[in-house]
Amino acid sequence: AEAMAVRWHMGGFDEAARGGSFSVSLAYDRYPLAVKLHLADLE
């Protein structure tokens, strides 16, 4: 969960997500910590 949170903390700004990868959605669905870190980073 920690690795996923750090990996995907950029959300839709991440190069992979901007390139069309759906992995960020899978990570957010499975790991609430990843969503929480992304929201904290945005705020």
PDB file of all heavy atoms in Angstrom:
ATOM      1  N   ALA A   1       0.833  -1.210   0.000  1.00  0.00           N
ATOM      2  CA  ALA A   1       0.000   0.000   0.000  1.00  0.00           C
ATOM      3  C   ALA A   1       0.866   1.257   0.000  1.00  0.00           C
ATOM      4  O   ALA A   1       0.536   2.255  -0.663  1.00  0.00           O
ATOM      5  CB  ALA A   1      -0.937   0.005   1.205  1.00  0.00           C
ATOM      6  N   GLU A   2       1.971   1.243   0.713  1.00  0.00           N
ATOM      7  CA  GLU A   2       2.887   2.394   0.756  1.00  0.00           C
ATOM      8  C   GLU A   2       3.539   2.609  -0.603  1.00  0.00           C
ATOM      9  O   GLU A   2       3.619   3.740  -1.094  1.00  0.00           O
ATOM     10  CB  GLU A   2       3.961   2.164   1.819  1.00  0.00           C
ATOM     11  CG  GLU A   2       3.422   2.083   3.222  1.00  0.00           C
ATOM     12  CD  GLU A   2       4.395   1.467   4.217  1.00  0.00           C
ATOM     13  OE1 GLU A   2       5.456   0.932   3.791  1.00  0.00           O
ATOM     14  OE2 GLU A   2       4.095   1.511   5.413  1.00  0.00           O
ATOM     15  N   ALA A   3       4.002   1.519  -1.208  1.00  0.00           N
ATOM     16  CA  ALA A   3       4.644   1.622  -2.524  1.00  0.00           C
ATOM     17  C   ALA A   3       3.660   2.160  -3.556  1.00  0.00           C
ATOM     18  O   ALA A   3       4.012   3.019  -4.378  1.00  0.00           O
ATOM     19  CB  ALA A   3       5.192   0.268  -2.954  1.00  0.00           C
ATOM     20  N   MET A   4       2.421   1.680  -3.518  1.00  0.00           N
ATOM     21  CA  MET A   4       1.401   2.167  -4.455  1.00  0.00           C
ATOM     22  C   MET A   4       1.092   3.638  -4.213  1.00  0.00           C
ATOM     23  O   MET A   4       0.930   4.416  -5.158  1.00  0.00           O
ATOM     24  CB  MET A   4       0.115   1.347  -4.337  1.00  0.00           C
ATOM     25  CG  MET A   4       0.220  -0.036  -4.881  1.00  0.00           C
ATOM     26  SD  MET A   4       0.465  -0.008  -6.669  1.00  0.00           S
ATOM     27  CE  MET A   4       0.902  -1.712  -6.924  1.00  0.00           C
ATOM     28  N   ALA A   5       1.001   4.034  -2.946  1.00  0.00           N
ATOM     29  CA  ALA A   5       0.697   5.429  -2.621  1.00  0.00           C
ATOM     30  C   ALA A   5       1.787   6.362  -3.144  1.00  0.00           C
ATOM     31  O   ALA A   5       1.495   7.377  -3.786  1.00  0.00           O
ATOM     32  CB  ALA A   5       0.521   5.590  -1.118  1.00  0.00           C
ATOM     33  N   VAL A   6       3.037   6.021  -2.881  1.00  0.00           N
ATOM     34  CA  VAL A   6       4.147   6.863  -3.342  1.00  0.00           C
ATOM     35  C   VAL A   6       4.220   6.837  -4.863  1.00  0.00           C
ATOM     36  O   VAL A   6       4.378   7.880  -5.509  1.00  0.00           O
ATOM     37  CB  VAL A   6       5.479   6.417  -2.693  1.00  0.00           C
ATOM     38  CG1 VAL A   6       6.655   7.166  -3.312  1.00  0.00           C
ATOM     39  CG2 VAL A   6       5.437   6.644  -1.185  1.00  0.00           C
ATOM     40  N   ARG A   7       4.087   5.656  -5.451  1.00  0.00           N
ATOM     41  CA  ARG A   7       4.180   5.528  -6.913  1.00  0.00           C
ATOM     42  C   ARG A   7       3.134   6.386  -7.619  1.00  0.00           C
ATOM     43  O   ARG A   7       3.403   7.028  -8.619  1.00  0.00           O
ATOM     44  CB  ARG A   7       4.021   4.059  -7.321  1.00  0.00           C
ATOM     45  CG  ARG A   7       3.759   3.806  -8.808  1.00  0.00           C
ATOM     46  CD  ARG A   7       4.898   4.309  -9.682  1.00  0.00           C
ATOM     47  NE  ARG A   7       4.621   4.198 -11.090  1.00  0.00           N
ATOM     48  CZ  ARG A   7       4.176   5.191 -11.859  1.00  0.00           C
ATOM     49  NH1 ARG A   7       3.915   6.378 -11.343  1.00  0.00           N
ATOM     50  NH2 ARG A   7       3.995   5.024 -13.159  1.00  0.00           N
ATOM     51  N   TRP A   8       1.902   6.403  -7.108  1.00  0.00           N
ATOM     52  CA  TRP A   8       0.808   7.054  -7.816  1.00  0.00           C
ATOM     53  C   TRP A   8       0.344   8.352  -7.164  1.00  0.00           C
ATOM     54  O   TRP A   8      -0.771   8.805  -7.416  1.00  0.00           O
ATOM     55  CB  TRP A   8      -0.366   6.083  -7.970  1.00  0.00           C
ATOM     56  CG  TRP A   8      -0.037   4.964  -8.901  1.00  0.00           C
ATOM     57  CD1 TRP A   8       0.165   3.657  -8.579  1.00  0.00           C
ATOM     58  CD2 TRP A   8       0.159   5.055 -10.308  1.00  0.00           C
ATOM     59  NE1 TRP A   8       0.472   2.931  -9.707  1.00  0.00           N
ATOM     60  CE2 TRP A   8       0.479   3.771 -10.782  1.00  0.00           C
ATOM     61  CE3 TRP A   8       0.108   6.115 -11.227  1.00  0.00           C
ATOM     62  CZ2 TRP A   8       0.734   3.507 -12.128  1.00  0.00           C
ATOM     63  CZ3 TRP A   8       0.357   5.851 -12.563  1.00  0.00           C
ATOM     64  CH2 TRP A   8       0.669   4.555 -12.998  1.00  0.00           C
ATOM     65  N   HIS A   9       1.187   8.994  -6.348  1.00  0.00           N
ATOM     66  CA  HIS A   9       0.743  10.211  -5.670  1.00  0.00           C
ATOM     67  C   HIS A   9       0.444  11.364  -6.630  1.00  0.00           C
ATOM     68  O   HIS A   9      -0.267  12.301  -6.287  1.00  0.00           O
ATOM     69  CB  HIS A   9       1.751  10.651  -4.589  1.00  0.00           C
ATOM     70  CG  HIS A   9       2.987  11.297  -5.112  1.00  0.00           C
ATOM     71  ND1 HIS A   9       4.109  10.572  -5.434  1.00  0.00           N
ATOM     72  CD2 HIS A   9       3.274  12.598  -5.368  1.00  0.00           C
ATOM     73  CE1 HIS A   9       5.041  11.399  -5.860  1.00  0.00           C
ATOM     74  NE2 HIS A   9       4.561  12.635  -5.835  1.00  0.00           N
ATOM     75  N   MET A  10       0.948  11.308  -7.836  1.00  0.00           N
ATOM     76  CA  MET A  10       0.710  12.371  -8.819  1.00  0.00           C
ATOM     77  C   MET A  10      -0.644  12.233  -9.525  1.00  0.00           C
ATOM     78  O   MET A  10      -1.083  13.157 -10.215  1.00  0.00           O
ATOM     79  CB  MET A  10       1.815  12.370  -9.878  1.00  0.00           C
ATOM     80  CG  MET A  10       3.171  12.772  -9.349  1.00  0.00           C
ATOM     81  SD  MET A  10       3.300  14.518  -9.034  1.00  0.00           S
ATOM     82  CE  MET A  10       3.249  15.160 -10.699  1.00  0.00           C
ATOM     83  N   GLY A  11      -1.291  11.100  -9.390  1.00  0.00           N
ATOM     84  CA  GLY A  11      -2.595  10.895 -10.015  1.00  0.00           C
ATOM     85  C   GLY A  11      -2.542  11.109 -11.517  1.00  0.00           C
ATOM     86  O   GLY A  11      -1.653  10.620 -12.200  1.00  0.00           O
ATOM     87  N   GLY A  12      -3.483  11.890 -12.032  1.00  0.00           N
ATOM     88  CA  GLY A  12      -3.580  12.140 -13.466  1.00  0.00           C
ATOM     89  C   GLY A  12      -2.454  12.983 -14.033  1.00  0.00           C
ATOM     90  O   GLY A  12      -2.316  13.101 -15.243  1.00  0.00           O
ATOM     91  N   PHE A  13      -1.623  13.580 -13.162  1.00  0.00           N
ATOM     92  CA  PHE A  13      -0.467  14.348 -13.625  1.00  0.00           C
ATOM     93  C   PHE A  13       0.725  13.445 -13.937  1.00  0.00           C
ATOM     94  O   PHE A  13       1.699  13.895 -14.522  1.00  0.00           O
ATOM     95  CB  PHE A  13      -0.045  15.376 -12.571  1.00  0.00           C
ATOM     96  CG  PHE A  13      -1.088  16.412 -12.288  1.00  0.00           C
ATOM     97  CD1 PHE A  13      -1.877  16.325 -11.154  1.00  0.00           C
ATOM     98  CD2 PHE A  13      -1.284  17.478 -13.149  1.00  0.00           C
ATOM     99  CE1 PHE A  13      -2.835  17.279 -10.882  1.00  0.00           C
ATOM    100  CE2 PHE A  13      -2.245  18.448 -12.888  1.00  0.00           C
ATOM    101  CZ  PHE A  13      -3.026  18.343 -11.752  1.00  0.00           C
ATOM    102  N   ASP A  14       0.663  12.190 -13.512  1.00  0.00           N
ATOM    103  CA  ASP A  14       1.752  11.246 -13.748  1.00  0.00           C
ATOM    104  C   ASP A  14       1.879  10.974 -15.247  1.00  0.00           C
ATOM    105  O   ASP A  14       0.875  10.878 -15.960  1.00  0.00           O
ATOM    106  CB  ASP A  14       1.469   9.940 -12.992  1.00  0.00           C
ATOM    107  CG  ASP A  14       2.633   8.992 -13.041  1.00  0.00           C
ATOM    108  OD1 ASP A  14       2.745   8.231 -14.040  1.00  0.00           O
ATOM    109  OD2 ASP A  14       3.444   8.984 -12.104  1.00  0.00           O
ATOM    110  N   GLU A  15       3.110  10.865 -15.722  1.00  0.00           N
ATOM    111  CA  GLU A  15       3.347  10.643 -17.152  1.00  0.00           C
ATOM    112  C   GLU A  15       2.642   9.390 -17.672  1.00  0.00           C
ATOM    113  O   GLU A  15       2.113   9.385 -18.781  1.00  0.00           O
ATOM    114  CB  GLU A  15       4.855  10.551 -17.440  1.00  0.00           C
ATOM    115  CG  GLU A  15       5.595  11.867 -17.276  1.00  0.00           C
ATOM    116  CD  GLU A  15       5.173  12.933 -18.265  1.00  0.00           C
ATOM    117  OE1 GLU A  15       4.869  12.611 -19.426  1.00  0.00           O
ATOM    118  OE2 GLU A  15       5.119  14.111 -17.870  1.00  0.00           O
ATOM    119  N   ALA A  16       2.631   8.314 -16.888  1.00  0.00           N
ATOM    120  CA  ALA A  16       1.981   7.077 -17.338  1.00  0.00           C
ATOM    121  C   ALA A  16       0.478   7.285 -17.492  1.00  0.00           C
ATOM    122  O   ALA A  16      -0.128   6.823 -18.462  1.00  0.00           O
ATOM    123  CB  ALA A  16       2.269   5.940 -16.365  1.00  0.00           C
ATOM    124  N   ALA A  17      -0.130   7.982 -16.537  1.00  0.00           N
ATOM    125  CA  ALA A  17      -1.569   8.251 -16.614  1.00  0.00           C
ATOM    126  C   ALA A  17      -1.874   9.172 -17.791  1.00  0.00           C
ATOM    127  O   ALA A  17      -2.856   8.971 -18.519  1.00  0.00           O
ATOM    128  CB  ALA A  17      -2.066   8.864 -15.308  1.00  0.00           C
ATOM    129  N   ARG A  18      -1.033  10.178 -17.995  1.00  0.00           N
ATOM    130  CA  ARG A  18      -1.235  11.093 -19.120  1.00  0.00           C
ATOM    131  C   ARG A  18      -1.044  10.375 -20.451  1.00  0.00           C
ATOM    132  O   ARG A  18      -1.614  10.781 -21.467  1.00  0.00           O
ATOM    133  CB  ARG A  18      -0.288  12.276 -19.014  1.00  0.00           C
ATOM    134  CG  ARG A  18      -0.705  13.204 -17.881  1.00  0.00           C
ATOM    135  CD  ARG A  18       0.250  14.316 -17.581  1.00  0.00           C
ATOM    136  NE  ARG A  18       0.864  14.912 -18.748  1.00  0.00           N
ATOM    137  CZ  ARG A  18       1.935  15.670 -18.697  1.00  0.00           C
ATOM    138  NH1 ARG A  18       2.520  15.928 -17.546  1.00  0.00           N
ATOM    139  NH2 ARG A  18       2.452  16.182 -19.786  1.00  0.00           N
ATOM    140  N   GLY A  19      -0.276   9.297 -20.428  1.00  0.00           N
ATOM    141  CA  GLY A  19      -0.057   8.508 -21.640  1.00  0.00           C
ATOM    142  C   GLY A  19      -1.135   7.475 -21.892  1.00  0.00           C
ATOM    143  O   GLY A  19      -1.094   6.764 -22.895  1.00  0.00           O
ATOM    144  N   GLY A  20      -2.101   7.369 -20.992  1.00  0.00           N
ATOM    145  CA  GLY A  20      -3.217   6.458 -21.217  1.00  0.00           C
ATOM    146  C   GLY A  20      -3.264   5.238 -20.311  1.00  0.00           C
ATOM    147  O   GLY A  20      -4.174   4.425 -20.412  1.00  0.00           O
ATOM    148  N   SER A  21      -2.305   5.082 -19.406  1.00  0.00           N
ATOM    149  CA  SER A  21      -2.311   3.935 -18.501  1.00  0.00           C
ATOM    150  C   SER A  21      -3.476   4.029 -17.515  1.00  0.00           C
ATOM    151  O   SER A  21      -3.774   5.100 -16.993  1.00  0.00           O
ATOM    152  CB  SER A  21      -0.997   3.872 -17.713  1.00  0.00           C
ATOM    153  OG  SER A  21      -1.078   2.871 -16.716  1.00  0.00           O
ATOM    154  N   PHE A  22      -4.121   2.904 -17.270  1.00  0.00           N
ATOM    155  CA  PHE A  22      -5.209   2.838 -16.299  1.00  0.00           C
ATOM    156  C   PHE A  22      -4.744   2.275 -14.962  1.00  0.00           C
ATOM    157  O   PHE A  22      -5.555   2.054 -14.064  1.00  0.00           O
ATOM    158  CB  PHE A  22      -6.366   1.993 -16.844  1.00  0.00           C
ATOM    159  CG  PHE A  22      -7.059   2.648 -18.011  1.00  0.00           C
ATOM    160  CD1 PHE A  22      -6.782   2.242 -19.305  1.00  0.00           C
ATOM    161  CD2 PHE A  22      -7.964   3.682 -17.810  1.00  0.00           C
ATOM    162  CE1 PHE A  22      -7.411   2.849 -20.382  1.00  0.00           C
ATOM    163  CE2 PHE A  22      -8.595   4.297 -18.882  1.00  0.00           C
ATOM    164  CZ  PHE A  22      -8.318   3.883 -20.175  1.00  0.00           C
ATOM    165  N   SER A  23      -3.445   2.060 -14.806  1.00  0.00           N
ATOM    166  CA  SER A  23      -2.911   1.486 -13.568  1.00  0.00           C
ATOM    167  C   SER A  23      -3.219   2.351 -12.357  1.00  0.00           C
ATOM    168  O   SER A  23      -3.440   1.836 -11.263  1.00  0.00           O
ATOM    169  CB  SER A  23      -1.408   1.269 -13.685  1.00  0.00           C
ATOM    170  OG  SER A  23      -1.128   0.322 -14.679  1.00  0.00           O
ATOM    171  N   VAL A  24      -3.241   3.659 -12.530  1.00  0.00           N
ATOM    172  CA  VAL A  24      -3.539   4.543 -11.404  1.00  0.00           C
ATOM    173  C   VAL A  24      -4.946   4.267 -10.876  1.00  0.00           C
ATOM    174  O   VAL A  24      -5.165   4.244  -9.664  1.00  0.00           O
ATOM    175  CB  VAL A  24      -3.341   6.034 -11.768  1.00  0.00           C
ATOM    176  CG1 VAL A  24      -4.327   6.503 -12.823  1.00  0.00           C
ATOM    177  CG2 VAL A  24      -3.437   6.905 -10.534  1.00  0.00           C
ATOM    178  N   SER A  25      -5.894   4.014 -11.743  1.00  0.00           N
ATOM    179  CA  SER A  25      -7.260   3.701 -11.306  1.00  0.00           C
ATOM    180  C   SER A  25      -7.301   2.396 -10.527  1.00  0.00           C
ATOM    181  O   SER A  25      -7.997   2.300  -9.512  1.00  0.00           O
ATOM    182  CB  SER A  25      -8.200   3.607 -12.507  1.00  0.00           C
ATOM    183  OG  SER A  25      -8.305   4.854 -13.146  1.00  0.00           O
ATOM    184  N   LEU A  26      -6.570   1.412 -10.990  1.00  0.00           N
ATOM    185  CA  LEU A  26      -6.513   0.127 -10.276  1.00  0.00           C
ATOM    186  C   LEU A  26      -5.875   0.303  -8.907  1.00  0.00           C
ATOM    187  O   LEU A  26      -6.339  -0.243  -7.909  1.00  0.00           O
ATOM    188  CB  LEU A  26      -5.730  -0.906 -11.094  1.00  0.00           C
ATOM    189  CG  LEU A  26      -6.359  -1.348 -12.410  1.00  0.00           C
ATOM    190  CD1 LEU A  26      -5.384  -2.222 -13.193  1.00  0.00           C
ATOM    191  CD2 LEU A  26      -7.659  -2.085 -12.153  1.00  0.00           C
ATOM    192  N   ALA A  27      -4.799   1.086  -8.855  1.00  0.00           N
ATOM    193  CA  ALA A  27      -4.126   1.324  -7.574  1.00  0.00           C
ATOM    194  C   ALA A  27      -5.052   2.041  -6.602  1.00  0.00           C
ATOM    195  O   ALA A  27      -5.135   1.679  -5.422  1.00  0.00           O
ATOM    196  CB  ALA A  27      -2.851   2.133  -7.795  1.00  0.00           C
ATOM    197  N   TYR A  28      -5.772   3.057  -7.073  1.00  0.00           N
ATOM    198  CA  TYR A  28      -6.682   3.810  -6.205  1.00  0.00           C
ATOM    199  C   TYR A  28      -7.844   2.942  -5.741  1.00  0.00           C
ATOM    200  O   TYR A  28      -8.324   3.087  -4.618  1.00  0.00           O
ATOM    201  CB  TYR A  28      -7.207   5.054  -6.923  1.00  0.00           C
ATOM    202  CG  TYR A  28      -6.194   6.167  -7.062  1.00  0.00           C
ATOM    203  CD1 TYR A  28      -6.486   7.293  -7.801  1.00  0.00           C
ATOM    204  CD2 TYR A  28      -4.929   6.092  -6.463  1.00  0.00           C
ATOM    205  CE1 TYR A  28      -5.578   8.334  -7.936  1.00  0.00           C
ATOM    206  CE2 TYR A  28      -4.017   7.119  -6.599  1.00  0.00           C
ATOM    207  CZ  TYR A  28      -4.343   8.237  -7.337  1.00  0.00           C
ATOM    208  OH  TYR A  28      -3.433   9.254  -7.474  1.00  0.00           O
ATOM    209  N   ASP A  29      -8.298   2.040  -6.592  1.00  0.00           N
ATOM    210  CA  ASP A  29      -9.400   1.150  -6.224  1.00  0.00           C
ATOM    211  C   ASP A  29      -8.989   0.169  -5.127  1.00  0.00           C
ATOM    212  O   ASP A  29      -9.781  -0.138  -4.241  1.00  0.00           O
ATOM    213  CB  ASP A  29      -9.873   0.385  -7.473  1.00  0.00           C
ATOM    214  CG  ASP A  29     -11.114  -0.434  -7.200  1.00  0.00           C
ATOM    215  OD1 ASP A  29     -12.100   0.133  -6.672  1.00  0.00           O
ATOM    216  OD2 ASP A  29     -11.098  -1.643  -7.499  1.00  0.00           O
ATOM    217  N   ARG A  30      -7.754  -0.292  -5.180  1.00  0.00           N
ATOM    218  CA  ARG A  30      -7.285  -1.329  -4.240  1.00  0.00           C
ATOM    219  C   ARG A  30      -6.604  -0.778  -2.994  1.00  0.00           C
ATOM    220  O   ARG A  30      -6.535  -1.463  -1.974  1.00  0.00           O
ATOM    221  CB  ARG A  30      -6.321  -2.260  -4.959  1.00  0.00           C
ATOM    222  CG  ARG A  30      -6.984  -3.057  -6.040  1.00  0.00           C
ATOM    223  CD  ARG A  30      -6.006  -3.954  -6.765  1.00  0.00           C
ATOM    224  NE  ARG A  30      -6.678  -4.569  -7.907  1.00  0.00           N
ATOM    225  CZ  ARG A  30      -6.055  -5.052  -8.956  1.00  0.00           C
ATOM    226  NH1 ARG A  30      -4.735  -5.021  -9.006  1.00  0.00           N
ATOM    227  NH2 ARG A  30      -6.728  -5.584  -9.947  1.00  0.00           N
ATOM    228  N   TYR A  31      -6.049   0.423  -3.073  1.00  0.00           N
ATOM    229  CA  TYR A  31      -5.242   0.952  -1.972  1.00  0.00           C
ATOM    230  C   TYR A  31      -5.721   2.347  -1.563  1.00  0.00           C
ATOM    231  O   TYR A  31      -5.296   3.355  -2.151  1.00  0.00           O
ATOM    232  CB  TYR A  31      -3.762   0.998  -2.376  1.00  0.00           C
ATOM    233  CG  TYR A  31      -3.207  -0.361  -2.713  1.00  0.00           C
ATOM    234  CD1 TYR A  31      -3.115  -0.788  -4.042  1.00  0.00           C
ATOM    235  CD2 TYR A  31      -2.792  -1.235  -1.706  1.00  0.00           C
ATOM    236  CE1 TYR A  31      -2.610  -2.038  -4.350  1.00  0.00           C
ATOM    237  CE2 TYR A  31      -2.287  -2.484  -2.008  1.00  0.00           C
ATOM    238  CZ  TYR A  31      -2.207  -2.884  -3.331  1.00  0.00           C
ATOM    239  OH  TYR A  31      -1.711  -4.131  -3.637  1.00  0.00           O
ATOM    240  N   PRO A  32      -6.574   2.436  -0.551  1.00  0.00           N
ATOM    241  CA  PRO A  32      -7.074   3.749  -0.100  1.00  0.00           C
ATOM    242  C   PRO A  32      -5.956   4.728   0.273  1.00  0.00           C
ATOM    243  O   PRO A  32      -6.105   5.936   0.073  1.00  0.00           O
ATOM    244  CB  PRO A  32      -7.922   3.409   1.124  1.00  0.00           C
ATOM    245  CG  PRO A  32      -8.331   1.990   0.914  1.00  0.00           C
ATOM    246  CD  PRO A  32      -7.188   1.341   0.181  1.00  0.00           C
ATOM    247  N   LEU A  33      -4.823   4.227   0.774  1.00  0.00           N
ATOM    248  CA  LEU A  33      -3.710   5.110   1.126  1.00  0.00           C
ATOM    249  C   LEU A  33      -3.218   5.887  -0.095  1.00  0.00           C
ATOM    250  O   LEU A  33      -2.823   7.050   0.012  1.00  0.00           O
ATOM    251  CB  LEU A  33      -2.562   4.307   1.758  1.00  0.00           C
ATOM    252  CG  LEU A  33      -1.320   5.103   2.165  1.00  0.00           C
ATOM    253  CD1 LEU A  33      -1.664   6.194   3.180  1.00  0.00           C
ATOM    254  CD2 LEU A  33      -0.262   4.152   2.740  1.00  0.00           C
ATOM    255  N   ALA A  34      -3.274   5.265  -1.267  1.00  0.00           N
ATOM    256  CA  ALA A  34      -2.845   5.942  -2.495  1.00  0.00           C
ATOM    257  C   ALA A  34      -3.752   7.125  -2.807  1.00  0.00           C
ATOM    258  O   ALA A  34      -3.281   8.197  -3.195  1.00  0.00           O
ATOM    259  CB  ALA A  34      -2.814   4.958  -3.664  1.00  0.00           C
ATOM    260  N   VAL A  35      -5.043   6.958  -2.632  1.00  0.00           N
ATOM    261  CA  VAL A  35      -5.994   8.048  -2.860  1.00  0.00           C
ATOM    262  C   VAL A  35      -5.756   9.159  -1.836  1.00  0.00           C
ATOM    263  O   VAL A  35      -5.703  10.341  -2.171  1.00  0.00           O
ATOM    264  CB  VAL A  35      -7.450   7.549  -2.757  1.00  0.00           C
ATOM    265  CG1 VAL A  35      -8.439   8.702  -2.930  1.00  0.00           C
ATOM    266  CG2 VAL A  35      -7.722   6.450  -3.773  1.00  0.00           C
ATOM    267  N   LYS A  36      -5.583   8.774  -0.585  1.00  0.00           N
ATOM    268  CA  LYS A  36      -5.376   9.750   0.487  1.00  0.00           C
ATOM    269  C   LYS A  36      -4.106  10.570   0.256  1.00  0.00           C
ATOM    270  O   LYS A  36      -4.101  11.791   0.439  1.00  0.00           O
ATOM    271  CB  LYS A  36      -5.312   9.043   1.843  1.00  0.00           C
ATOM    272  CG  LYS A  36      -6.639   8.427   2.257  1.00  0.00           C
ATOM    273  CD  LYS A  36      -6.510   7.661   3.572  1.00  0.00           C
ATOM    274  CE  LYS A  36      -7.824   7.058   3.990  1.00  0.00           C
ATOM    275  NZ  LYS A  36      -7.741   6.425   5.327  1.00  0.00           N
ATOM    276  N   LEU A  37      -3.018   9.919  -0.155  1.00  0.00           N
ATOM    277  CA  LEU A  37      -1.772  10.650  -0.400  1.00  0.00           C
ATOM    278  C   LEU A  37      -1.929  11.605  -1.581  1.00  0.00           C
ATOM    279  O   LEU A  37      -1.461  12.742  -1.538  1.00  0.00           O
ATOM    280  CB  LEU A  37      -0.609   9.682  -0.636  1.00  0.00           C
ATOM    281  CG  LEU A  37       0.756  10.346  -0.847  1.00  0.00           C
ATOM    282  CD1 LEU A  37       1.182  11.160   0.377  1.00  0.00           C
ATOM    283  CD2 LEU A  37       1.821   9.291  -1.173  1.00  0.00           C
ATOM    284  N   HIS A  38      -2.604  11.157  -2.633  1.00  0.00           N
ATOM    285  CA  HIS A  38      -2.825  12.029  -3.793  1.00  0.00           C
ATOM    286  C   HIS A  38      -3.623  13.273  -3.392  1.00  0.00           C
ATOM    287  O   HIS A  38      -3.266  14.404  -3.751  1.00  0.00           O
ATOM    288  CB  HIS A  38      -3.537  11.263  -4.898  1.00  0.00           C
ATOM    289  CG  HIS A  38      -3.903  12.112  -6.073  1.00  0.00           C
ATOM    290  ND1 HIS A  38      -2.978  12.847  -6.791  1.00  0.00           N
ATOM    291  CD2 HIS A  38      -5.098  12.376  -6.646  1.00  0.00           C
ATOM    292  CE1 HIS A  38      -3.588  13.511  -7.770  1.00  0.00           C
ATOM    293  NE2 HIS A  38      -4.875  13.246  -7.692  1.00  0.00           N
ATOM    294  N   LEU A  39      -4.685  13.075  -2.624  1.00  0.00           N
ATOM    295  CA  LEU A  39      -5.507  14.211  -2.191  1.00  0.00           C
ATOM    296  C   LEU A  39      -4.721  15.158  -1.293  1.00  0.00           C
ATOM    297  O   LEU A  39      -4.837  16.382  -1.411  1.00  0.00           O
ATOM    298  CB  LEU A  39      -6.761  13.705  -1.479  1.00  0.00           C
ATOM    299  CG  LEU A  39      -7.772  12.964  -2.363  1.00  0.00           C
ATOM    300  CD1 LEU A  39      -8.871  12.342  -1.507  1.00  0.00           C
ATOM    301  CD2 LEU A  39      -8.354  13.889  -3.420  1.00  0.00           C
ATOM    302  N   ALA A  40      -3.913  14.595  -0.402  1.00  0.00           N
ATOM    303  CA  ALA A  40      -3.083  15.431   0.479  1.00  0.00           C
ATOM    304  C   ALA A  40      -2.064  16.221  -0.324  1.00  0.00           C
ATOM    305  O   ALA A  40      -1.814  17.404  -0.040  1.00  0.00           O
ATOM    306  CB  ALA A  40      -2.392  14.561   1.529  1.00  0.00           C
ATOM    307  N   ASP A  41      -1.478  15.605  -1.333  1.00  0.00           N
ATOM    308  CA  ASP A  41      -0.510  16.286  -2.193  1.00  0.00           C
ATOM    309  C   ASP A  41      -1.184  17.429  -2.957  1.00  0.00           C
ATOM    310  O   ASP A  41      -0.634  18.531  -3.061  1.00  0.00           O
ATOM    311  CB  ASP A  41       0.123  15.275  -3.151  1.00  0.00           C
ATOM    312  CG  ASP A  41       1.308  15.835  -3.916  1.00  0.00           C
ATOM    313  OD1 ASP A  41       2.080  16.631  -3.349  1.00  0.00           O
ATOM    314  OD2 ASP A  41       1.473  15.460  -5.097  1.00  0.00           O
ATOM    315  N   LEU A  42      -2.371  17.186  -3.475  1.00  0.00           N
ATOM    316  CA  LEU A  42      -3.111  18.230  -4.189  1.00  0.00           C
ATOM    317  C   LEU A  42      -3.415  19.414  -3.277  1.00  0.00           C
ATOM    318  O   LEU A  42      -3.199  20.573  -3.654  1.00  0.00           O
ATOM    319  CB  LEU A  42      -4.425  17.674  -4.751  1.00  0.00           C
ATOM    320  CG  LEU A  42      -4.353  16.832  -6.004  1.00  0.00           C
ATOM    321  CD1 LEU A  42      -5.728  16.250  -6.321  1.00  0.00           C
ATOM    322  CD2 LEU A  42      -3.845  17.640  -7.190  1.00  0.00           C
ATOM    323  N   GLU A  43      -3.933  19.140  -2.080  1.00  0.00           N
ATOM    324  CA  GLU A  43      -4.284  20.229  -1.174  1.00  0.00           C
ATOM    325  C   GLU A  43      -3.053  21.013  -0.746  1.00  0.00           C
ATOM    326  O   GLU A  43      -3.070  22.246  -0.724  1.00  0.00           O
ATOM    327  CB  GLU A  43      -5.019  19.714   0.063  1.00  0.00           C
ATOM    328  CG  GLU A  43      -5.379  20.855   0.993  1.00  0.00           C
ATOM    329  CD  GLU A  43      -6.300  20.484   2.126  1.00  0.00           C
ATOM    330  OE1 GLU A  43      -7.131  19.586   1.958  1.00  0.00           O
ATOM    331  OE2 GLU A  43      -6.180  21.130   3.183  1.00  0.00           O
TER     332      GLU A  43
END
